[in-house]
Amino acid sequence: MSEPATTLVFEVTRDDLVAFNAWYLQHDPAHRRHHLAVRWGGAVALALLGVGAWWLLGGEPKALVLVASLVGGHLLLINRHLDRLARRMVHRQLDGQDTRGLLCTHTLEITDEGLRESNELHDNLVPWTAPFEVRPAAEDQVMLSPEPGQVHVINRFRVQAGDLDAFLTQVRQRAATARHAWMHGE
């Protein structure tokens, strides 16, 4: 029988953070509502302007083809534009801040007390009773959020030591056991 996976060492790069944030903006409910409003609001506005122009031009059929082309083009291009805009925004944010402790090698360690995260600047312990969340993120990435406001973006290809899947299984089990014990006063 093998030992449980208790340590994970991984690198976080600028590209990882950009990809994760672009993915997050597409999947966050608040941003999705905004994205839908921009996409469909723009399409409706273009359609109304086009129908108004069609009416002013005396109902020329060519105008309806132009309207359909404008609305279709808007719907096809808006997703790509919003994704590029999100990526550019993350690059600008990273350009304006000290990224030591963020873009570096991170070590996560499972201890009896909780999950310990350390890197060149930080050493932090999150107790197992915290609301851990683990879910797939951008392509080949996993999001591990031990508590609100703290997210570890782990790219499968940047794991330097440890077994990511076995490690995440241990984190889920430890967190679930601790929450269960806490909720039942054990």
Protein backbone atom coordinates (compact mmCIF):
# COMPACT_ATOMS: atom_id res chain seq x y z
CA MET A 1 0.00 0.00 0.00
CA SER A 2 1.37 3.41 -0.92
CA GLU A 3 1.70 6.41 1.37
CA PRO A 4 -0.97 9.12 1.04
CA ALA A 5 0.05 12.15 -1.01
CA THR A 6 0.88 14.88 1.49
CA THR A 7 3.04 17.36 -0.44
CA LEU A 8 2.58 19.12 -3.75
CA VAL A 9 5.13 21.45 -5.32
CA PHE A 10 4.10 23.48 -8.36
CA GLU A 11 5.08 26.58 -10.31
CA VAL A 12 2.66 29.43 -11.03
CA THR A 13 3.40 31.45 -14.15
CA ARG A 14 1.90 34.57 -15.65
CA ASP A 15 0.27 32.49 -18.39
CA ASP A 16 -1.39 30.29 -15.74
CA LEU A 17 -2.95 33.30 -14.03
CA VAL A 18 -4.09 34.87 -17.29
CA ALA A 19 -5.71 31.61 -18.45
CA PHE A 20 -7.35 31.06 -15.07
CA ASN A 21 -8.77 34.59 -14.88
CA ALA A 22 -10.12 34.40 -18.44
CA TRP A 23 -11.76 31.08 -17.53
CA TYR A 24 -13.09 32.48 -14.26
CA LEU A 25 -14.66 35.51 -15.95
CA GLN A 26 -16.50 33.18 -18.32
CA HIS A 27 -17.80 30.98 -15.48
CA ASP A 28 -18.48 33.46 -12.66
CA PRO A 29 -22.26 34.04 -12.49
CA ALA A 30 -21.98 37.84 -12.14
CA HIS A 31 -19.61 38.13 -15.08
CA ARG A 32 -21.72 35.73 -17.13
CA ARG A 33 -24.78 37.96 -16.62
CA HIS A 34 -22.76 40.97 -17.73
CA HIS A 35 -21.41 39.04 -20.72
CA LEU A 36 -24.95 38.00 -21.75
CA ALA A 37 -26.20 41.58 -21.40
CA VAL A 38 -23.40 42.88 -23.63
CA ARG A 39 -23.87 40.11 -26.19
CA TRP A 40 -27.65 40.16 -26.49
CA GLY A 41 -28.13 43.84 -25.66
CA GLY A 42 -25.75 44.75 -28.48
CA ALA A 43 -27.53 42.37 -30.86
CA VAL A 44 -30.94 43.84 -30.00
CA ALA A 45 -29.62 47.41 -30.36
CA LEU A 46 -28.13 46.61 -33.77
CA ALA A 47 -31.33 44.89 -34.86
CA LEU A 48 -33.47 47.87 -33.78
CA LEU A 49 -31.18 50.34 -35.54
CA GLY A 50 -31.24 48.17 -38.64
CA VAL A 51 -35.02 47.83 -38.66
CA GLY A 52 -35.28 51.61 -38.21
CA ALA A 53 -32.92 52.16 -41.16
CA TRP A 54 -34.86 49.60 -43.20
CA TRP A 55 -38.10 51.46 -42.48
CA LEU A 56 -36.55 54.85 -43.33
CA LEU A 57 -35.19 53.45 -46.60
CA GLY A 58 -38.66 52.33 -47.63
CA GLY A 59 -38.44 48.65 -46.80
CA GLU A 60 -35.53 47.80 -49.12
CA PRO A 61 -34.81 44.02 -48.75
CA LYS A 62 -31.05 44.62 -49.03
CA ALA A 63 -31.19 46.52 -45.76
CA LEU A 64 -32.52 43.43 -43.93
CA VAL A 65 -29.57 41.41 -45.22
CA LEU A 66 -27.25 44.11 -43.85
CA VAL A 67 -29.05 44.04 -40.48
CA ALA A 68 -28.79 40.24 -40.25
CA SER A 69 -25.09 40.44 -41.15
CA LEU A 70 -24.40 43.08 -38.49
CA VAL A 71 -26.22 41.17 -35.74
CA GLY A 72 -24.59 37.86 -36.73
CA GLY A 73 -21.14 39.45 -36.89
CA HIS A 74 -21.64 41.03 -33.47
CA LEU A 75 -22.65 37.70 -31.94
CA LEU A 76 -19.71 35.87 -33.51
CA LEU A 77 -17.05 38.42 -32.60
CA ILE A 78 -18.17 39.51 -29.11
CA ASN A 79 -17.01 36.30 -27.37
CA ARG A 80 -13.54 36.58 -28.83
CA HIS A 81 -13.33 40.29 -28.03
CA LEU A 82 -14.44 39.86 -24.40
CA ASP A 83 -11.95 37.00 -23.88
CA ARG A 84 -9.10 39.12 -25.29
CA LEU A 85 -10.20 42.06 -23.14
CA ALA A 86 -10.18 39.87 -19.99
CA ARG A 87 -6.68 38.58 -20.78
CA ARG A 88 -5.40 42.11 -21.42
CA MET A 89 -6.92 43.29 -18.12
CA VAL A 90 -5.09 40.55 -16.17
CA HIS A 91 -1.79 41.40 -17.87
CA ARG A 92 -2.25 45.07 -16.89
CA GLN A 93 -3.01 44.13 -13.29
CA LEU A 94 0.09 41.95 -13.08
CA ASP A 95 2.25 44.67 -14.66
CA GLY A 96 1.30 47.04 -11.86
CA GLN A 97 2.08 44.88 -8.84
CA ASP A 98 4.85 43.01 -7.09
CA THR A 99 4.38 39.40 -8.18
CA ARG A 100 6.94 37.85 -5.83
CA GLY A 101 5.08 35.29 -3.78
CA LEU A 102 2.55 34.91 -6.58
CA LEU A 103 4.51 33.96 -9.70
CA CYS A 104 6.90 31.45 -8.16
CA THR A 105 7.19 27.91 -6.83
CA HIS A 106 4.53 27.01 -4.25
CA THR A 107 4.51 24.11 -1.82
CA LEU A 108 1.27 22.78 -0.36
CA GLU A 109 1.56 20.36 2.53
CA ILE A 110 -1.15 18.36 4.26
CA THR A 111 -0.63 18.45 8.03
CA ASP A 112 -2.81 17.29 10.92
CA GLU A 113 -3.70 20.94 11.66
CA GLY A 114 -4.58 21.96 8.10
CA LEU A 115 -3.19 22.81 4.68
CA ARG A 116 0.14 24.64 4.79
CA GLU A 117 1.07 26.80 1.82
CA SER A 118 4.54 28.23 1.50
CA ASN A 119 6.57 30.03 -1.11
CA GLU A 120 9.49 32.46 -1.16
CA LEU A 121 7.52 35.12 0.81
CA HIS A 122 4.68 33.42 2.66
CA ASP A 123 3.98 30.56 5.01
CA ASN A 124 0.28 30.12 5.77
CA LEU A 125 -1.74 27.40 7.51
CA VAL A 126 -5.45 27.03 6.75
CA PRO A 127 -7.33 24.77 9.21
CA TRP A 128 -9.33 21.85 7.81
CA THR A 129 -12.60 23.44 8.99
CA ALA A 130 -12.22 26.15 6.32
CA PRO A 131 -14.64 25.93 3.36
CA PHE A 132 -12.28 24.19 0.91
CA GLU A 133 -13.37 24.13 -2.73
CA VAL A 134 -11.63 22.10 -5.44
CA ARG A 135 -12.77 22.24 -9.04
CA PRO A 136 -11.45 22.04 -12.57
CA ALA A 137 -10.63 25.41 -14.09
CA ALA A 138 -9.08 26.49 -17.37
CA GLU A 139 -7.61 23.82 -19.63
CA ASP A 140 -5.30 21.56 -17.60
CA GLN A 141 -5.80 23.65 -14.44
CA VAL A 142 -7.37 23.02 -11.06
CA MET A 143 -8.61 25.67 -8.67
CA LEU A 144 -8.02 24.94 -4.98
CA SER A 145 -9.65 27.53 -2.76
CA PRO A 146 -9.06 26.82 0.94
CA GLU A 147 -11.03 29.88 2.05
CA PRO A 148 -12.80 32.86 0.46
CA GLY A 149 -10.36 35.20 -1.25
CA GLN A 150 -7.56 32.65 -1.49
CA VAL A 151 -7.13 30.59 -4.64
CA HIS A 152 -4.33 28.30 -5.74
CA VAL A 153 -4.20 27.89 -9.51
CA ILE A 154 -2.48 24.60 -10.23
CA ASN A 155 -1.52 23.75 -13.79
CA ARG A 156 -1.09 19.99 -14.18
CA PHE A 157 1.98 20.51 -16.37
CA ARG A 158 3.72 22.70 -13.77
CA VAL A 159 3.59 20.20 -10.89
CA GLN A 160 7.22 19.58 -9.92
CA ALA A 161 6.70 17.08 -7.11
CA GLY A 162 3.73 15.08 -5.91
CA ASP A 163 0.66 13.49 -7.44
CA LEU A 164 -1.96 16.20 -8.05
CA ASP A 165 -5.01 13.93 -8.15
CA ALA A 166 -4.00 11.95 -5.06
CA PHE A 167 -3.16 15.19 -3.23
CA LEU A 168 -6.55 16.75 -4.04
CA THR A 169 -8.31 13.57 -2.93
CA GLN A 170 -6.53 13.83 0.44
CA VAL A 171 -7.49 17.52 0.75
CA ARG A 172 -11.16 16.75 0.02
CA GLN A 173 -11.20 13.87 2.52
CA ARG A 174 -9.48 15.82 5.31
CA ALA A 175 -11.70 18.89 4.82
CA ALA A 176 -14.90 16.81 4.71
CA THR A 177 -13.92 14.86 7.85
CA ALA A 178 -13.06 18.06 9.76
CA ARG A 179 -16.28 19.81 8.71
CA HIS A 180 -18.34 16.78 9.67
CA ALA A 181 -16.65 16.61 13.10
CA TRP A 182 -17.08 20.36 13.63
CA MET A 183 -20.78 20.30 12.64
CA HIS A 184 -21.50 17.39 14.97
CA GLY A 185 -19.46 18.74 17.88
CA GLU A 186 -16.97 15.89 17.80
